[in-house]
Amino acid sequence: MGLETFTRHGTEHEKIEVEADEIIGAMAKGIDIDIEFANIIGDMNLREIEFDTIAGNLAIRNSDIHDQVSFKGKNFSGSFNFSGSIFHEDLDLTSLSVNSVNFSGASFEGDVNFKSIIFAGDAAFNISNFSGANFDGDMIFESVSFNSAANFCASHFNGDAVFKSINFSDQANFSAANFNGDMVSESVSFSSAANFSASEFNGDAVFRLANFGGDVNFSAAAFNGDAVFETVNIGGLANFSASVFNGDAVFKFTNFGLGANFSAANFRGDSVFESTNFGGATNMSAATFDGDTSFKSANFGNSVNFSAAEFNGDADFAFSSFGGDAIFAASKFNGETSFKTAKFAGSAIFDAAEFSEDLYETEDYEDEDSDS
């Protein structure tokens, strides 16, 4: 005969009250916990449980957790399900190990700390209804491993969101996520595809020393602060089509391994692609650069398409290298433009391009097969 289950169920319109001490006692017994539509009263601090490994599955769904929660340093052999629940105070899962977690539609009103946590199975912060997961305080993921898919689709981060020294072994989905504070991703590894399509960054978005092993999708994303992709490696295809950069955009020392798509992107601040490597075909057709733009010392290893692009500030391509065809047909250069010592291994096509200021070249300018 199996162990009993600690079960407490209220209703959507009449939530029951459950003491945190009762839940801690059930955890100590290693039994499954199934709670729904409840008000959880009292701190849920597992320091009272002497052993580190806790058996059983923990489900607290559609409930209000009124006081602080700390599972710091514990190992759960089962799963977490906090879908639809509200954490009114701080949540500390530092150094936690858990098989799988589901925070779909959960809200976090206090600070959230996921430092050194290991998610052995699926980690879901995806939308389960119109509200989505909601982080009202600062959220910290540091030294965390996601060993299966991580889904933050349509989540809201109202404080700062910090992802530091993170490993996503499987797909990471941040599509339609909303970051109202700064988003800092430092030394993060995405081993598989990463999806940030239609996401909104209302503070600064910083991806520094990040490694994207697969494809990355930022199509239709809105960067309302500065966007910094510095010393970033993208091994797969990078899609920034129709994205909007309202602040400065910095892609300095970034490597686009298989190709980059910035078609119809709008750069409203300055944009910096200095010493950037574009290994595959690059598409920047119909992109708009309202501020100054620098591709100084950039390397385009394959073809690049700037057709119908518009440069409203200065455009600097000095010391850049074009390994394939470079298409600037019908593009507009409304500020000073420089191709000093640029090297074109393929055709350089400037048909119907417009230059309103001087085009700066030098005697070192190499145009091996130019059409203009």
Protein backbone atom coordinates (compact mmCIF):
# COMPACT_ATOMS: atom_id res chain seq x y z
CA MET A 1 0.00 0.00 0.00
CA GLY A 2 1.46 3.38 -1.01
CA LEU A 3 1.94 6.37 1.19
CA GLU A 4 -0.94 8.75 1.83
CA THR A 5 -1.25 12.09 0.06
CA PHE A 6 -1.57 15.36 1.92
CA THR A 7 -4.62 16.84 0.14
CA ARG A 8 -6.27 20.19 0.78
CA HIS A 9 -8.68 21.61 -1.82
CA GLY A 10 -10.78 24.75 -1.64
CA THR A 11 -12.67 26.35 -4.48
CA GLU A 12 -12.04 29.33 -6.71
CA HIS A 13 -14.56 31.39 -4.74
CA GLU A 14 -13.86 29.99 -1.28
CA LYS A 15 -10.23 29.32 -0.54
CA ILE A 16 -9.31 27.28 2.49
CA GLU A 17 -6.55 28.16 4.97
CA VAL A 18 -3.53 25.89 5.29
CA GLU A 19 -0.72 26.41 7.79
CA ALA A 20 2.80 26.26 6.39
CA ASP A 21 3.81 24.03 9.32
CA GLU A 22 1.37 21.36 8.07
CA ILE A 23 3.03 21.39 4.65
CA ILE A 24 6.51 21.19 6.17
CA GLY A 25 5.39 18.23 8.26
CA ALA A 26 4.12 16.42 5.16
CA MET A 27 7.43 17.10 3.38
CA ALA A 28 9.28 15.59 6.32
CA LYS A 29 7.26 12.39 5.84
CA GLY A 30 8.17 12.28 2.14
CA ILE A 31 4.56 12.09 0.96
CA ASP A 32 2.94 13.79 -2.03
CA ILE A 33 1.31 17.17 -1.39
CA ASP A 34 -1.72 18.31 -3.40
CA ILE A 35 -3.12 21.75 -2.52
CA GLU A 36 -5.39 23.93 -4.61
CA PHE A 37 -7.30 27.15 -3.98
CA ALA A 38 -5.78 27.79 -0.58
CA ASN A 39 -4.30 30.57 1.53
CA ILE A 40 -0.93 29.41 2.83
CA ILE A 41 -0.17 31.08 6.17
CA GLY A 42 3.26 31.25 7.81
CA ASP A 43 6.84 31.04 6.59
CA MET A 44 7.67 27.92 4.60
CA ASN A 45 11.30 27.56 5.60
CA LEU A 46 12.76 24.10 5.22
CA ARG A 47 15.60 24.69 7.64
CA GLU A 48 13.38 22.82 10.08
CA ILE A 49 13.83 19.64 8.01
CA GLU A 50 17.21 18.19 8.98
CA PHE A 51 17.78 15.96 5.93
CA ASP A 52 18.58 17.45 2.52
CA THR A 53 16.71 15.04 0.21
CA ILE A 54 12.92 15.27 0.18
CA ALA A 55 10.76 12.71 -1.57
CA GLY A 56 7.30 13.25 -2.96
CA ASN A 57 5.73 15.68 -5.40
CA LEU A 58 4.75 19.18 -4.28
CA ALA A 59 1.71 20.83 -5.90
CA ILE A 60 0.32 24.12 -4.61
CA ARG A 61 -1.86 25.42 -7.43
CA ASN A 62 -3.98 28.56 -7.74
CA SER A 63 -3.18 29.54 -4.19
CA ASP A 64 -1.94 32.58 -2.26
CA ILE A 65 1.33 32.04 -0.42
CA HIS A 66 1.38 34.96 1.99
CA ASP A 67 4.74 34.63 3.72
CA GLN A 68 8.35 33.92 2.83
CA VAL A 69 9.38 30.66 1.17
CA SER A 70 12.88 29.17 1.36
CA PHE A 71 13.85 25.76 0.00
CA LYS A 72 17.52 26.69 0.11
CA GLY A 73 19.95 23.79 -0.37
CA LYS A 74 17.31 21.06 -0.54
CA ASN A 75 17.07 18.21 -3.05
CA PHE A 76 13.58 17.29 -4.23
CA SER A 77 13.38 13.93 -5.96
CA GLY A 78 9.88 14.73 -7.18
CA SER A 79 8.36 17.69 -9.01
CA PHE A 80 7.08 21.20 -8.24
CA ASN A 81 3.78 22.59 -9.48
CA PHE A 82 2.97 26.16 -8.40
CA SER A 83 0.91 27.01 -11.48
CA GLY A 84 -1.42 29.96 -10.96
CA SER A 85 -0.16 30.67 -7.44
CA ILE A 86 0.88 34.05 -6.01
CA PHE A 87 4.01 34.46 -3.90
CA HIS A 88 3.37 37.61 -1.86
CA GLU A 89 6.82 37.67 -0.23
CA ASP A 90 10.35 36.64 -1.22
CA LEU A 91 11.09 33.24 -2.73
CA ASP A 92 14.54 31.71 -2.17
CA LEU A 93 15.43 28.52 -4.05
CA THR A 94 19.21 28.94 -3.76
CA SER A 95 21.15 25.71 -4.39
CA LEU A 96 17.93 23.75 -4.85
CA SER A 97 17.81 20.60 -6.96
CA VAL A 98 14.45 19.53 -8.37
CA ASN A 99 13.33 17.12 -11.06
CA SER A 100 10.81 19.38 -12.81
CA VAL A 101 9.00 22.63 -12.05
CA ASN A 102 5.87 24.33 -13.30
CA PHE A 103 5.26 27.99 -12.44
CA SER A 104 2.82 28.59 -15.31
CA GLY A 105 0.75 31.69 -14.64
CA ALA A 106 2.40 32.24 -11.25
CA SER A 107 3.04 35.72 -9.82
CA PHE A 108 6.04 36.74 -7.72
CA GLU A 109 5.52 39.97 -5.77
CA GLY A 110 8.77 39.79 -3.81
CA ASP A 111 12.33 39.14 -4.89
CA VAL A 112 13.09 35.77 -6.44
CA ASN A 113 16.45 34.01 -6.03
CA PHE A 114 17.29 30.98 -8.15
CA LYS A 115 21.05 31.02 -7.52
CA SER A 116 22.87 27.69 -8.11
CA ILE A 117 19.64 25.81 -8.74
CA ILE A 118 19.53 22.67 -10.89
CA PHE A 119 16.41 21.88 -12.91
CA ALA A 120 16.87 18.23 -13.88
CA GLY A 121 13.66 18.05 -15.89
CA ASP A 122 11.30 20.53 -17.53
CA ALA A 123 11.16 24.07 -16.21
CA ALA A 124 8.01 25.91 -17.23
CA PHE A 125 7.21 29.57 -16.61
CA ASN A 126 4.90 29.73 -19.61
CA ILE A 127 1.55 31.42 -19.88
CA SER A 128 -1.40 29.26 -18.82
CA ASN A 129 -3.99 32.01 -19.04
CA PHE A 130 -4.00 35.70 -19.94
CA SER A 131 -1.85 36.75 -17.00
CA GLY A 132 1.34 34.76 -17.57
CA ALA A 133 4.10 34.43 -15.02
CA ASN A 134 4.64 37.75 -13.28
CA PHE A 135 7.82 38.75 -11.41
CA ASP A 136 7.17 42.02 -9.55
CA GLY A 137 10.48 42.11 -7.69
CA ASP A 138 14.01 41.51 -8.87
CA MET A 139 14.69 38.05 -10.26
CA ILE A 140 18.09 36.37 -10.10
CA PHE A 141 19.12 33.19 -11.89
CA GLU A 142 22.80 32.56 -11.15
CA SER A 143 24.85 29.39 -11.69
CA VAL A 144 21.71 27.55 -12.77
CA SER A 145 21.43 24.54 -15.07
CA PHE A 146 18.30 23.83 -17.12
CA ASN A 147 18.78 20.25 -18.26
CA SER A 148 15.53 20.19 -20.22
CA ALA A 149 13.32 22.76 -21.98
CA ALA A 150 12.85 26.13 -20.23
CA ASN A 151 9.71 28.04 -21.13
CA PHE A 152 9.26 31.68 -20.06
CA CYS A 153 6.77 32.48 -22.82
CA ALA A 154 4.73 35.66 -22.14
CA SER A 155 6.25 36.09 -18.69
CA HIS A 156 6.49 39.56 -17.14
CA PHE A 157 9.62 40.72 -15.32
CA ASN A 158 8.75 44.01 -13.60
CA GLY A 159 12.03 44.34 -11.72
CA ASP A 160 15.55 43.64 -12.92
CA ALA A 161 16.11 40.18 -14.38
CA VAL A 162 19.61 38.73 -14.01
CA PHE A 163 20.77 35.57 -15.77
CA LYS A 164 24.40 34.88 -14.87
CA SER A 165 26.45 31.74 -15.53
CA ILE A 166 23.40 29.84 -16.79
CA ASN A 167 23.35 26.73 -18.93
CA PHE A 168 20.28 25.99 -21.06
CA SER A 169 20.87 22.45 -22.33
CA ASP A 170 17.63 22.36 -24.31
CA GLN A 171 15.40 24.96 -25.94
CA ALA A 172 14.81 28.27 -24.15
CA ASN A 173 11.58 30.09 -24.97
CA PHE A 174 11.20 33.76 -23.99
CA SER A 175 8.82 34.67 -26.80
CA ALA A 176 6.48 37.58 -26.00
CA ALA A 177 8.19 38.06 -22.64
CA ASN A 178 8.14 41.53 -21.12
CA PHE A 179 11.17 42.94 -19.27
CA ASN A 180 10.27 46.21 -17.54
CA GLY A 181 13.59 46.53 -15.71
CA ASP A 182 17.09 45.84 -16.95
CA MET A 183 17.73 42.38 -18.38
CA VAL A 184 21.30 41.19 -17.86
CA SER A 185 22.48 37.93 -19.39
CA GLU A 186 26.15 37.30 -18.69
CA SER A 187 28.15 34.15 -19.41
CA VAL A 188 24.98 32.31 -20.40
CA SER A 189 25.12 29.26 -22.64
CA PHE A 190 22.18 28.32 -24.89
CA SER A 191 23.03 24.88 -26.24
CA SER A 192 19.90 24.66 -28.37
CA ALA A 193 17.50 27.14 -29.96
CA ALA A 194 16.66 30.36 -28.09
CA ASN A 195 13.45 32.23 -28.88
CA PHE A 196 12.96 35.89 -27.87
CA SER A 197 10.57 36.76 -30.71
CA ALA A 198 8.09 39.57 -29.98
CA SER A 199 9.69 40.14 -26.58
CA GLU A 200 9.88 43.65 -25.14
CA PHE A 201 12.84 45.08 -23.25
CA ASN A 202 11.89 48.35 -21.54
CA GLY A 203 15.20 48.71 -19.71
CA ASP A 204 18.66 47.92 -21.00
CA ALA A 205 19.15 44.45 -22.51
CA VAL A 206 22.68 43.16 -21.99
CA PHE A 207 23.93 39.91 -23.50
CA ARG A 208 27.62 39.77 -22.67
CA LEU A 209 29.88 36.73 -23.18
CA ALA A 210 26.81 34.72 -24.18
CA ASN A 211 27.04 31.62 -26.33
CA PHE A 212 24.13 30.59 -28.55
CA GLY A 213 24.88 27.12 -29.86
CA GLY A 214 21.75 26.91 -32.01
CA ASP A 215 19.46 29.35 -33.78
CA VAL A 216 18.37 32.52 -31.98
CA ASN A 217 15.18 34.43 -32.79
CA PHE A 218 14.67 38.08 -31.83
CA SER A 219 12.27 38.84 -34.69
CA ALA A 220 9.82 41.68 -33.93
CA ALA A 221 11.48 42.28 -30.57
CA ALA A 222 11.41 45.81 -29.11
CA PHE A 223 14.53 47.12 -27.37
CA ASN A 224 13.44 50.35 -25.67
CA GLY A 225 16.71 50.84 -23.79
CA ASP A 226 20.22 50.09 -24.99
CA ALA A 227 20.80 46.65 -26.52
CA VAL A 228 24.28 45.26 -25.88
CA PHE A 229 25.42 42.05 -27.58
CA GLU A 230 29.12 42.24 -26.82
CA THR A 231 31.55 39.35 -27.33
CA VAL A 232 28.64 37.05 -28.14
CA ASN A 233 28.89 33.86 -30.20
CA ILE A 234 25.88 32.71 -32.25
CA GLY A 235 26.54 29.32 -33.79
CA GLY A 236 23.25 29.02 -35.66
CA LEU A 237 21.07 31.45 -37.59
CA ALA A 238 20.32 34.82 -35.96
CA ASN A 239 16.95 36.41 -36.76
CA PHE A 240 16.44 40.08 -35.81
CA SER A 241 14.01 40.84 -38.63
CA ALA A 242 11.53 43.67 -37.95
CA SER A 243 13.09 44.28 -34.55
CA VAL A 244 13.19 47.84 -33.16
CA PHE A 245 16.16 49.32 -31.32
CA ASN A 246 15.06 52.55 -29.66
CA GLY A 247 18.33 52.99 -27.79
CA ASP A 248 21.87 52.27 -28.91
CA ALA A 249 22.56 48.83 -30.37
CA VAL A 250 26.02 47.36 -29.77
CA PHE A 251 27.14 44.13 -31.46
CA LYS A 252 30.86 44.67 -30.98
CA PHE A 253 33.07 41.55 -31.30
CA THR A 254 30.01 39.39 -31.91
CA ASN A 255 30.24 36.30 -34.11
CA PHE A 256 27.28 35.38 -36.32
CA GLY A 257 28.27 31.88 -37.38
CA LEU A 258 25.70 30.76 -39.96
CA GLY A 259 23.91 33.94 -40.95
CA ALA A 260 22.16 37.05 -39.67
CA ASN A 261 18.81 38.51 -40.68
CA PHE A 262 18.18 42.16 -39.78
CA SER A 263 15.76 42.83 -42.62
CA ALA A 264 13.33 45.70 -41.89
CA ALA A 265 14.99 46.29 -38.52
CA ASN A 266 14.84 49.84 -37.18
CA PHE A 267 17.90 51.26 -35.38
CA ARG A 268 16.78 54.57 -33.86
CA GLY A 269 19.92 55.17 -31.82
CA ASP A 270 23.55 54.59 -32.74
CA SER A 271 24.45 51.10 -33.93
CA VAL A 272 27.88 49.51 -33.52
CA PHE A 273 28.98 46.39 -35.41
CA GLU A 274 32.72 47.00 -35.03
CA SER A 275 34.99 43.94 -35.39
CA THR A 276 31.87 41.82 -35.84
CA ASN A 277 32.11 38.59 -37.82
CA PHE A 278 29.27 37.58 -40.14
CA GLY A 279 30.13 34.02 -41.16
CA GLY A 280 27.08 33.24 -43.26
CA ALA A 281 24.82 35.26 -45.52
CA THR A 282 23.71 38.56 -43.99
CA ASN A 283 20.40 40.27 -44.77
CA MET A 284 19.93 43.92 -43.77
CA SER A 285 17.58 44.84 -46.58
CA ALA A 286 15.11 47.64 -45.83
CA ALA A 287 16.76 48.25 -42.46
CA THR A 288 16.72 51.81 -41.14
CA PHE A 289 19.66 53.32 -39.26
CA ASP A 290 18.61 56.66 -37.76
CA GLY A 291 21.74 57.26 -35.69
CA ASP A 292 25.39 56.87 -36.59
CA THR A 293 26.32 53.38 -37.78
CA SER A 294 29.71 51.70 -37.60
CA PHE A 295 30.70 48.47 -39.33
CA LYS A 296 34.35 49.37 -38.90
CA SER A 297 36.62 46.32 -39.24
CA ALA A 298 33.59 44.05 -39.68
CA ASN A 299 34.05 40.85 -41.62
CA PHE A 300 31.33 39.63 -43.97
CA GLY A 301 32.43 36.12 -44.89
CA ASN A 302 29.56 35.56 -47.30
CA SER A 303 27.12 37.71 -49.26
CA VAL A 304 25.50 40.71 -47.60
CA ASN A 305 22.33 42.50 -48.66
CA PHE A 306 21.77 46.15 -47.71
CA SER A 307 19.32 46.83 -50.55
CA ALA A 308 16.82 49.61 -49.77
CA ALA A 309 18.51 50.23 -46.43
CA GLU A 310 18.52 53.82 -45.18
CA PHE A 311 21.39 55.41 -43.24
CA ASN A 312 20.21 58.71 -41.76
CA GLY A 313 23.37 59.31 -39.73
CA ASP A 314 27.00 58.68 -40.62
CA ALA A 315 27.85 55.22 -41.97
CA ASP A 316 31.36 53.87 -41.42
CA PHE A 317 32.49 50.71 -43.24
CA ALA A 318 36.21 51.51 -42.96
CA PHE A 319 38.54 48.49 -42.86
CA SER A 320 35.60 46.13 -43.40
CA SER A 321 35.91 43.01 -45.51
CA PHE A 322 33.28 41.58 -47.87
CA GLY A 323 33.92 37.94 -48.81
CA GLY A 324 30.92 37.58 -51.10
CA ASP A 325 28.68 39.92 -53.06
CA ALA A 326 27.80 43.19 -51.30
CA ILE A 327 24.45 44.60 -52.41
CA PHE A 328 23.63 48.23 -51.57
CA ALA A 329 21.12 48.71 -54.41
CA ALA A 330 18.57 51.49 -53.79
CA SER A 331 20.07 52.22 -50.40
CA LYS A 332 20.24 55.78 -49.08
CA PHE A 333 23.22 57.33 -47.33
CA ASN A 334 22.06 60.63 -45.80
CA GLY A 335 25.17 61.33 -43.71
CA GLU A 336 28.89 61.00 -44.24
CA THR A 337 29.83 57.57 -45.59
CA SER A 338 33.19 55.85 -45.46
CA PHE A 339 34.46 52.71 -47.12
CA LYS A 340 38.12 53.49 -46.43
CA THR A 341 40.34 50.46 -47.13
CA ALA A 342 37.26 48.23 -47.40
CA LYS A 343 37.86 45.02 -49.36
CA PHE A 344 35.31 43.53 -51.75
CA ALA A 345 36.07 39.98 -52.92
CA GLY A 346 32.82 39.71 -54.85
CA SER A 347 30.62 42.22 -56.64
CA ALA A 348 29.89 45.56 -54.96
CA ILE A 349 26.48 46.64 -56.22
CA PHE A 350 25.36 50.22 -55.60
CA ASP A 351 22.72 50.49 -58.36
CA ALA A 352 20.32 53.40 -57.64
CA ALA A 353 22.02 54.10 -54.31
CA GLU A 354 21.88 57.70 -53.10
CA PHE A 355 24.65 59.60 -51.32
CA SER A 356 23.75 63.01 -49.92
CA GLU A 357 27.20 63.62 -48.39
CA ASP A 358 30.74 62.76 -49.45
CA LEU A 359 31.74 59.14 -49.96
CA TYR A 360 35.13 58.70 -48.35
CA GLU A 361 37.55 56.24 -49.94
CA THR A 362 41.33 55.92 -50.07
CA GLU A 363 43.79 54.54 -52.54
CA ASP A 364 43.78 51.33 -50.51
CA TYR A 365 40.09 50.79 -51.28
CA GLU A 366 39.80 47.43 -53.01
CA ASP A 367 36.95 46.74 -55.40
CA GLU A 368 37.78 43.54 -57.23
CA ASP A 369 34.50 43.29 -59.15
CA SER A 370 32.33 46.36 -58.69
CA ASP A 371 29.01 47.39 -60.21
CA SER A 372 27.87 50.89 -59.44
